[in-house]
Amino acid sequence: MGWAGLLLALGCIALAQRWHGGSLLTLLDGPAFLIVVGGTLGAVILQTPTRYLKQAVVQLGWLFRPEPLDLASQAQRLEAWALRGRQYGLLALEELSDQESEPFTRKGLTMLVDGVEIEHMRELLEAEITIEQERNEHGARVFESLGGYSPTIGIIGAVMGLIQAMFSLEAPAELGAGIAVAFVATIYGVGLANLFYLPVANRLRTLHYHQALFQEMTLEGLLGIAHGDNATQLRRRLQIYLQGE
């Protein structure tokens, strides 16, 4: 659904350009695109450690296939585990921990089966959530930085284009075309920032929030199982997280 917004924005821009009788080809300029995109990437690469750049690329893939973290489904699984734990003991969950594919859930189940003290388990998993969120935030900041530099680099591209246009002062027709092309760089800079870079940064933060909510609910559920809560009691614990989704 998120990509529909980008297509809508680009479609409206293209429609407005055609509405005024302009050609879409006037918005295409290779050198301007190279200056804006290359300059922006160069600035961000200069300020950002390589590992954070890699995280940003990986997180960009989440927009195409977000991690399947279904809170309602996880709540149902936790309730089933609570029932199984009360009936057969916590050791009966060992097989589930070995089969679990979600890393945070698997780590919590393993602690539960190993008999880690409840408060110690809480401290370790809360630290895991905090560190994971800080790590994820670096990816969003990369796109936020791209959105910050892009308009300025666009102005640089426009000024460079105007400098080139000044050499055509004796040919008014060429001068007008040169000035028009120069401002395409500004469109690229502002457009990429506000239609792609900054929306992607905010979208990633939304996904990070959902992941944190999933992990906090999982932690609360596992602590409830450790306390010996039954399925009904556990459902009350988890209801607040389902309401906040």
C-alpha atoms as a PDB file:
ATOM      1  CA  MET A   1       0.000   0.000   0.000  1.00  0.00           C
ATOM      2  CA  GLY A   2       2.898   2.348   0.762  1.00  0.00           C
ATOM      3  CA  TRP A   3       4.187   2.247  -2.813  1.00  0.00           C
ATOM      4  CA  ALA A   4       0.729   3.295  -4.035  1.00  0.00           C
ATOM      5  CA  GLY A   5       1.353   6.663  -2.380  1.00  0.00           C
ATOM      6  CA  LEU A   6       4.566   7.168  -4.351  1.00  0.00           C
ATOM      7  CA  LEU A   7       2.833   6.221  -7.598  1.00  0.00           C
ATOM      8  CA  LEU A   8      -0.024   8.605  -6.768  1.00  0.00           C
ATOM      9  CA  ALA A   9       2.379  11.491  -6.151  1.00  0.00           C
ATOM     10  CA  LEU A  10       4.355  10.862  -9.346  1.00  0.00           C
ATOM     11  CA  GLY A  11       1.158  10.419 -11.322  1.00  0.00           C
ATOM     12  CA  CYS A  12      -0.241  13.746 -10.099  1.00  0.00           C
ATOM     13  CA  ILE A  13       3.000  15.535 -10.989  1.00  0.00           C
ATOM     14  CA  ALA A  14       2.995  14.001 -14.472  1.00  0.00           C
ATOM     15  CA  LEU A  15      -0.684  14.871 -14.942  1.00  0.00           C
ATOM     16  CA  ALA A  16      -0.131  18.479 -13.865  1.00  0.00           C
ATOM     17  CA  GLN A  17       2.803  18.790 -16.253  1.00  0.00           C
ATOM     18  CA  ARG A  18       0.688  17.539 -19.151  1.00  0.00           C
ATOM     19  CA  TRP A  19      -2.279  19.676 -18.055  1.00  0.00           C
ATOM     20  CA  HIS A  20      -0.199  22.809 -18.538  1.00  0.00           C
ATOM     21  CA  GLY A  21       0.778  21.584 -21.989  1.00  0.00           C
ATOM     22  CA  GLY A  22       4.326  20.690 -21.010  1.00  0.00           C
ATOM     23  CA  SER A  23       6.199  17.615 -22.102  1.00  0.00           C
ATOM     24  CA  LEU A  24       7.302  15.013 -19.583  1.00  0.00           C
ATOM     25  CA  LEU A  25      10.603  14.836 -21.444  1.00  0.00           C
ATOM     26  CA  THR A  26      11.461  18.309 -20.133  1.00  0.00           C
ATOM     27  CA  LEU A  27      11.668  16.787 -16.656  1.00  0.00           C
ATOM     28  CA  LEU A  28      14.289  14.281 -17.756  1.00  0.00           C
ATOM     29  CA  ASP A  29      17.909  15.384 -17.587  1.00  0.00           C
ATOM     30  CA  GLY A  30      20.756  12.927 -17.098  1.00  0.00           C
ATOM     31  CA  PRO A  31      23.434  15.346 -15.815  1.00  0.00           C
ATOM     32  CA  ALA A  32      21.043  16.898 -13.281  1.00  0.00           C
ATOM     33  CA  PHE A  33      20.037  13.458 -12.043  1.00  0.00           C
ATOM     34  CA  LEU A  34      23.691  12.437 -11.747  1.00  0.00           C
ATOM     35  CA  ILE A  35      24.603  15.554  -9.771  1.00  0.00           C
ATOM     36  CA  VAL A  36      21.699  15.229  -7.334  1.00  0.00           C
ATOM     37  CA  VAL A  37      21.730  11.475  -6.739  1.00  0.00           C
ATOM     38  CA  GLY A  38      25.505  11.077  -6.889  1.00  0.00           C
ATOM     39  CA  GLY A  39      26.206  14.126  -4.762  1.00  0.00           C
ATOM     40  CA  THR A  40      23.634  13.147  -2.147  1.00  0.00           C
ATOM     41  CA  LEU A  41      24.902   9.584  -1.916  1.00  0.00           C
ATOM     42  CA  GLY A  42      28.479  10.815  -1.685  1.00  0.00           C
ATOM     43  CA  ALA A  43      27.665  13.136   1.216  1.00  0.00           C
ATOM     44  CA  VAL A  44      25.816  10.412   3.127  1.00  0.00           C
ATOM     45  CA  ILE A  45      28.532   7.827   2.473  1.00  0.00           C
ATOM     46  CA  LEU A  46      31.086  10.301   3.813  1.00  0.00           C
ATOM     47  CA  GLN A  47      29.242  10.741   7.123  1.00  0.00           C
ATOM     48  CA  THR A  48      27.905   7.218   7.660  1.00  0.00           C
ATOM     49  CA  PRO A  49      29.854   4.104   8.750  1.00  0.00           C
ATOM     50  CA  THR A  50      29.692   1.250   6.245  1.00  0.00           C
ATOM     51  CA  ARG A  51      27.783  -1.085   8.572  1.00  0.00           C
ATOM     52  CA  TYR A  52      24.967   1.437   8.901  1.00  0.00           C
ATOM     53  CA  LEU A  53      24.776   1.857   5.124  1.00  0.00           C
ATOM     54  CA  LYS A  54      24.403  -1.914   4.792  1.00  0.00           C
ATOM     55  CA  GLN A  55      21.638  -1.893   7.399  1.00  0.00           C
ATOM     56  CA  ALA A  56      19.805   0.814   5.446  1.00  0.00           C
ATOM     57  CA  VAL A  57      19.961  -1.262   2.255  1.00  0.00           C
ATOM     58  CA  VAL A  58      18.672  -4.342   4.100  1.00  0.00           C
ATOM     59  CA  GLN A  59      15.855  -2.363   5.706  1.00  0.00           C
ATOM     60  CA  LEU A  60      14.871  -0.903   2.341  1.00  0.00           C
ATOM     61  CA  GLY A  61      13.972  -4.477   1.392  1.00  0.00           C
ATOM     62  CA  TRP A  62      11.442  -4.487   4.248  1.00  0.00           C
ATOM     63  CA  LEU A  63       9.318  -2.067   2.234  1.00  0.00           C
ATOM     64  CA  PHE A  64       8.875  -4.721  -0.446  1.00  0.00           C
ATOM     65  CA  ARG A  65       8.391  -7.622   1.965  1.00  0.00           C
ATOM     66  CA  PRO A  66       7.885  -6.447   5.570  1.00  0.00           C
ATOM     67  CA  GLU A  67       8.740  -8.988   8.236  1.00  0.00           C
ATOM     68  CA  PRO A  68       5.611 -11.072   8.955  1.00  0.00           C
ATOM     69  CA  LEU A  69       5.192 -10.090  12.609  1.00  0.00           C
ATOM     70  CA  ASP A  70       1.505 -10.724  13.307  1.00  0.00           C
ATOM     71  CA  LEU A  71       0.669  -9.659  16.855  1.00  0.00           C
ATOM     72  CA  ALA A  72      -2.705 -11.429  16.966  1.00  0.00           C
ATOM     73  CA  SER A  73      -1.177 -14.705  15.809  1.00  0.00           C
ATOM     74  CA  GLN A  74       1.677 -14.345  18.299  1.00  0.00           C
ATOM     75  CA  ALA A  75      -0.789 -13.726  21.123  1.00  0.00           C
ATOM     76  CA  GLN A  76      -2.621 -16.932  20.249  1.00  0.00           C
ATOM     77  CA  ARG A  77       0.634 -18.869  20.253  1.00  0.00           C
ATOM     78  CA  LEU A  78       1.599 -17.468  23.644  1.00  0.00           C
ATOM     79  CA  GLU A  79      -1.776 -18.469  25.087  1.00  0.00           C
ATOM     80  CA  ALA A  80      -1.318 -21.999  23.721  1.00  0.00           C
ATOM     81  CA  TRP A  81       2.163 -22.173  25.240  1.00  0.00           C
ATOM     82  CA  ALA A  82       0.797 -20.989  28.599  1.00  0.00           C
ATOM     83  CA  LEU A  83      -1.761 -23.812  28.537  1.00  0.00           C
ATOM     84  CA  ARG A  84       0.885 -26.361  27.594  1.00  0.00           C
ATOM     85  CA  GLY A  85       3.285 -25.082  30.241  1.00  0.00           C
ATOM     86  CA  ARG A  86       0.676 -25.361  33.003  1.00  0.00           C
ATOM     87  CA  GLN A  87      -0.321 -28.868  31.914  1.00  0.00           C
ATOM     88  CA  TYR A  88       3.082 -30.428  31.268  1.00  0.00           C
ATOM     89  CA  GLY A  89       5.628 -28.046  32.801  1.00  0.00           C
ATOM     90  CA  LEU A  90       7.951 -25.517  31.179  1.00  0.00           C
ATOM     91  CA  LEU A  91      10.277 -28.238  29.906  1.00  0.00           C
ATOM     92  CA  ALA A  92       7.477 -29.243  27.525  1.00  0.00           C
ATOM     93  CA  LEU A  93       8.215 -26.020  25.622  1.00  0.00           C
ATOM     94  CA  GLU A  94      11.747 -27.104  24.742  1.00  0.00           C
ATOM     95  CA  GLU A  95      10.671 -28.688  21.465  1.00  0.00           C
ATOM     96  CA  LEU A  96       8.892 -25.456  20.511  1.00  0.00           C
ATOM     97  CA  SER A  97      11.998 -23.369  21.182  1.00  0.00           C
ATOM     98  CA  ASP A  98      14.051 -25.615  18.893  1.00  0.00           C
ATOM     99  CA  GLN A  99      11.512 -25.211  16.089  1.00  0.00           C
ATOM    100  CA  GLU A 100      10.933 -21.472  16.510  1.00  0.00           C
ATOM    101  CA  SER A 101      12.132 -19.371  13.550  1.00  0.00           C
ATOM    102  CA  GLU A 102      11.627 -15.869  14.981  1.00  0.00           C
ATOM    103  CA  PRO A 103      14.929 -15.006  16.754  1.00  0.00           C
ATOM    104  CA  PHE A 104      13.585 -12.973  19.685  1.00  0.00           C
ATOM    105  CA  THR A 105      10.847 -15.492  20.481  1.00  0.00           C
ATOM    106  CA  ARG A 106      13.305 -18.380  20.251  1.00  0.00           C
ATOM    107  CA  LYS A 107      15.707 -16.653  22.641  1.00  0.00           C
ATOM    108  CA  GLY A 108      12.926 -16.007  25.147  1.00  0.00           C
ATOM    109  CA  LEU A 109      11.596 -19.559  24.959  1.00  0.00           C
ATOM    110  CA  THR A 110      15.088 -20.942  25.474  1.00  0.00           C
ATOM    111  CA  MET A 111      15.517 -18.824  28.618  1.00  0.00           C
ATOM    112  CA  LEU A 112      12.127 -19.991  29.827  1.00  0.00           C
ATOM    113  CA  VAL A 113      13.014 -23.652  29.344  1.00  0.00           C
ATOM    114  CA  ASP A 114      16.460 -23.182  30.899  1.00  0.00           C
ATOM    115  CA  GLY A 115      14.866 -21.820  34.062  1.00  0.00           C
ATOM    116  CA  VAL A 116      16.405 -18.345  33.924  1.00  0.00           C
ATOM    117  CA  GLU A 117      15.140 -16.190  36.808  1.00  0.00           C
ATOM    118  CA  ILE A 118      12.209 -14.022  35.813  1.00  0.00           C
ATOM    119  CA  GLU A 119      13.832 -10.665  36.623  1.00  0.00           C
ATOM    120  CA  HIS A 120      17.073 -11.655  34.927  1.00  0.00           C
ATOM    121  CA  MET A 121      15.095 -12.797  31.896  1.00  0.00           C
ATOM    122  CA  ARG A 122      13.267  -9.477  31.832  1.00  0.00           C
ATOM    123  CA  GLU A 123      16.508  -7.489  32.005  1.00  0.00           C
ATOM    124  CA  LEU A 124      18.178  -9.452  29.202  1.00  0.00           C
ATOM    125  CA  LEU A 125      15.241  -9.316  26.811  1.00  0.00           C
ATOM    126  CA  GLU A 126      14.486  -5.648  27.500  1.00  0.00           C
ATOM    127  CA  ALA A 127      18.128  -4.878  26.729  1.00  0.00           C
ATOM    128  CA  GLU A 128      17.749  -6.907  23.522  1.00  0.00           C
ATOM    129  CA  ILE A 129      14.728  -4.806  22.491  1.00  0.00           C
ATOM    130  CA  THR A 130      16.517  -1.529  23.236  1.00  0.00           C
ATOM    131  CA  ILE A 131      19.669  -2.471  21.336  1.00  0.00           C
ATOM    132  CA  GLU A 132      17.649  -3.768  18.378  1.00  0.00           C
ATOM    133  CA  GLN A 133      15.719  -0.508  18.164  1.00  0.00           C
ATOM    134  CA  GLU A 134      18.899   1.562  18.313  1.00  0.00           C
ATOM    135  CA  ARG A 135      20.392  -0.590  15.552  1.00  0.00           C
ATOM    136  CA  ASN A 136      17.278  -0.211  13.405  1.00  0.00           C
ATOM    137  CA  GLU A 137      17.208   3.536  13.908  1.00  0.00           C
ATOM    138  CA  HIS A 138      20.538   3.887  12.092  1.00  0.00           C
ATOM    139  CA  GLY A 139      18.900   2.647   8.892  1.00  0.00           C
ATOM    140  CA  ALA A 140      16.124   5.232   9.131  1.00  0.00           C
ATOM    141  CA  ARG A 141      18.674   7.976   9.804  1.00  0.00           C
ATOM    142  CA  VAL A 142      20.497   7.143   6.576  1.00  0.00           C
ATOM    143  CA  PHE A 143      17.366   7.912   4.546  1.00  0.00           C
ATOM    144  CA  GLU A 144      16.664  10.945   6.712  1.00  0.00           C
ATOM    145  CA  SER A 145      20.162  12.224   5.882  1.00  0.00           C
ATOM    146  CA  LEU A 146      19.532  11.599   2.181  1.00  0.00           C
ATOM    147  CA  GLY A 147      16.398  13.685   2.475  1.00  0.00           C
ATOM    148  CA  GLY A 148      18.345  16.460   4.198  1.00  0.00           C
ATOM    149  CA  TYR A 149      21.143  16.729   1.657  1.00  0.00           C
ATOM    150  CA  SER A 150      19.142  16.159  -1.524  1.00  0.00           C
ATOM    151  CA  PRO A 151      17.467  19.618  -1.805  1.00  0.00           C
ATOM    152  CA  THR A 152      20.785  21.398  -1.204  1.00  0.00           C
ATOM    153  CA  ILE A 153      22.575  19.288  -3.801  1.00  0.00           C
ATOM    154  CA  GLY A 154      19.676  20.088  -6.139  1.00  0.00           C
ATOM    155  CA  ILE A 155      20.395  23.807  -5.702  1.00  0.00           C
ATOM    156  CA  ILE A 156      24.067  23.164  -6.477  1.00  0.00           C
ATOM    157  CA  GLY A 157      22.991  21.397  -9.664  1.00  0.00           C
ATOM    158  CA  ALA A 158      20.720  24.294 -10.580  1.00  0.00           C
ATOM    159  CA  VAL A 159      23.500  26.840 -10.067  1.00  0.00           C
ATOM    160  CA  MET A 160      25.869  24.759 -12.186  1.00  0.00           C
ATOM    161  CA  GLY A 161      23.223  24.654 -14.915  1.00  0.00           C
ATOM    162  CA  LEU A 162      22.757  28.430 -14.743  1.00  0.00           C
ATOM    163  CA  ILE A 163      26.494  28.927 -15.074  1.00  0.00           C
ATOM    164  CA  GLN A 164      26.407  26.885 -18.262  1.00  0.00           C
ATOM    165  CA  ALA A 165      23.358  28.830 -19.463  1.00  0.00           C
ATOM    166  CA  MET A 166      25.188  32.131 -19.021  1.00  0.00           C
ATOM    167  CA  PHE A 167      27.499  31.126 -21.856  1.00  0.00           C
ATOM    168  CA  SER A 168      24.448  31.348 -24.149  1.00  0.00           C
ATOM    169  CA  LEU A 169      23.577  34.986 -23.434  1.00  0.00           C
ATOM    170  CA  GLU A 170      23.930  35.865 -27.081  1.00  0.00           C
ATOM    171  CA  ALA A 171      21.406  33.176 -28.070  1.00  0.00           C
ATOM    172  CA  PRO A 172      18.127  33.874 -26.185  1.00  0.00           C
ATOM    173  CA  ALA A 173      16.488  30.641 -27.361  1.00  0.00           C
ATOM    174  CA  GLU A 174      19.342  28.537 -26.018  1.00  0.00           C
ATOM    175  CA  LEU A 175      19.480  30.608 -22.847  1.00  0.00           C
ATOM    176  CA  GLY A 176      15.825  29.931 -22.017  1.00  0.00           C
ATOM    177  CA  ALA A 177      16.218  26.208 -22.593  1.00  0.00           C
ATOM    178  CA  GLY A 178      19.389  26.160 -20.503  1.00  0.00           C
ATOM    179  CA  ILE A 179      17.696  27.886 -17.574  1.00  0.00           C
ATOM    180  CA  ALA A 180      14.746  25.465 -17.753  1.00  0.00           C
ATOM    181  CA  VAL A 181      17.086  22.476 -17.643  1.00  0.00           C
ATOM    182  CA  ALA A 182      19.010  24.015 -14.733  1.00  0.00           C
ATOM    183  CA  PHE A 183      15.911  24.074 -12.554  1.00  0.00           C
ATOM    184  CA  VAL A 184      15.280  20.386 -13.228  1.00  0.00           C
ATOM    185  CA  ALA A 185      18.070  19.678 -10.720  1.00  0.00           C
ATOM    186  CA  THR A 186      16.087  21.542  -8.049  1.00  0.00           C
ATOM    187  CA  ILE A 187      13.021  19.449  -8.851  1.00  0.00           C
ATOM    188  CA  TYR A 188      15.092  16.274  -8.508  1.00  0.00           C
ATOM    189  CA  GLY A 189      16.567  17.382  -5.187  1.00  0.00           C
ATOM    190  CA  VAL A 190      13.318  18.476  -3.562  1.00  0.00           C
ATOM    191  CA  GLY A 191      11.275  15.707  -5.195  1.00  0.00           C
ATOM    192  CA  LEU A 192      13.531  12.848  -4.130  1.00  0.00           C
ATOM    193  CA  ALA A 193      13.721  14.218  -0.591  1.00  0.00           C
ATOM    194  CA  ASN A 194       9.988  14.680  -0.066  1.00  0.00           C
ATOM    195  CA  LEU A 195       8.600  11.880  -2.214  1.00  0.00           C
ATOM    196  CA  PHE A 196      11.102   9.129  -1.436  1.00  0.00           C
ATOM    197  CA  TYR A 197      13.907   9.629   1.094  1.00  0.00           C
ATOM    198  CA  LEU A 198      11.959  11.159   3.987  1.00  0.00           C
ATOM    199  CA  PRO A 199       8.820   9.008   3.494  1.00  0.00           C
ATOM    200  CA  VAL A 200      11.024   5.892   3.460  1.00  0.00           C
ATOM    201  CA  ALA A 201      12.705   6.993   6.715  1.00  0.00           C
ATOM    202  CA  ASN A 202       9.325   7.494   8.400  1.00  0.00           C
ATOM    203  CA  ARG A 203       7.983   4.231   6.958  1.00  0.00           C
ATOM    204  CA  LEU A 204      10.949   2.346   8.381  1.00  0.00           C
ATOM    205  CA  ARG A 205      10.333   3.909  11.794  1.00  0.00           C
ATOM    206  CA  THR A 206       6.753   2.664  11.617  1.00  0.00           C
ATOM    207  CA  LEU A 207       8.035  -0.863  10.923  1.00  0.00           C
ATOM    208  CA  HIS A 208      10.535  -0.507  13.779  1.00  0.00           C
ATOM    209  CA  TYR A 209       7.709   0.485  16.124  1.00  0.00           C
ATOM    210  CA  HIS A 210       5.691  -2.555  15.055  1.00  0.00           C
ATOM    211  CA  GLN A 211       8.693  -4.806  15.648  1.00  0.00           C
ATOM    212  CA  ALA A 212       9.256  -3.313  19.115  1.00  0.00           C
ATOM    213  CA  LEU A 213       5.581  -3.778  19.964  1.00  0.00           C
ATOM    214  CA  PHE A 214       5.804  -7.409  18.828  1.00  0.00           C
ATOM    215  CA  GLN A 215       8.880  -8.019  20.979  1.00  0.00           C
ATOM    216  CA  GLU A 216       7.433  -6.260  24.043  1.00  0.00           C
ATOM    217  CA  MET A 217       4.233  -8.288  23.767  1.00  0.00           C
ATOM    218  CA  THR A 218       6.257 -11.481  23.384  1.00  0.00           C
ATOM    219  CA  LEU A 219       8.317 -10.583  26.461  1.00  0.00           C
ATOM    220  CA  GLU A 220       5.179  -9.882  28.477  1.00  0.00           C
ATOM    221  CA  GLY A 221       3.672 -13.187  27.364  1.00  0.00           C
ATOM    222  CA  LEU A 222       6.774 -15.196  28.223  1.00  0.00           C
ATOM    223  CA  LEU A 223       6.991 -13.555  31.641  1.00  0.00           C
ATOM    224  CA  GLY A 224       3.326 -14.424  32.198  1.00  0.00           C
ATOM    225  CA  ILE A 225       4.066 -18.058  31.318  1.00  0.00           C
ATOM    226  CA  ALA A 226       7.009 -18.016  33.732  1.00  0.00           C
ATOM    227  CA  HIS A 227       4.685 -16.689  36.454  1.00  0.00           C
ATOM    228  CA  GLY A 228       2.288 -19.560  35.756  1.00  0.00           C
ATOM    229  CA  ASP A 229      -0.545 -17.499  34.254  1.00  0.00           C
ATOM    230  CA  ASN A 230      -3.322 -19.446  32.586  1.00  0.00           C
ATOM    231  CA  ALA A 231      -4.506 -18.642  29.066  1.00  0.00           C
ATOM    232  CA  THR A 232      -7.223 -16.252  30.262  1.00  0.00           C
ATOM    233  CA  GLN A 233      -4.895 -14.289  32.515  1.00  0.00           C
ATOM    234  CA  LEU A 234      -2.331 -14.098  29.744  1.00  0.00           C
ATOM    235  CA  ARG A 235      -4.933 -12.856  27.282  1.00  0.00           C
ATOM    236  CA  ARG A 236      -5.638  -9.921  29.620  1.00  0.00           C
ATOM    237  CA  ARG A 237      -1.910  -9.140  29.747  1.00  0.00           C
ATOM    238  CA  LEU A 238      -1.604  -9.089  25.972  1.00  0.00           C
ATOM    239  CA  GLN A 239      -4.830  -7.275  25.124  1.00  0.00           C
ATOM    240  CA  ILE A 240      -3.284  -3.840  25.544  1.00  0.00           C
ATOM    241  CA  TYR A 241      -0.653  -4.612  22.907  1.00  0.00           C
ATOM    242  CA  LEU A 242      -3.277  -5.773  20.443  1.00  0.00           C
ATOM    243  CA  GLN A 243      -5.200  -2.543  20.960  1.00  0.00           C
ATOM    244  CA  GLY A 244      -2.066  -0.489  20.288  1.00  0.00           C
ATOM    245  CA  GLU A 245      -1.268  -2.212  16.963  1.00  0.00           C
END
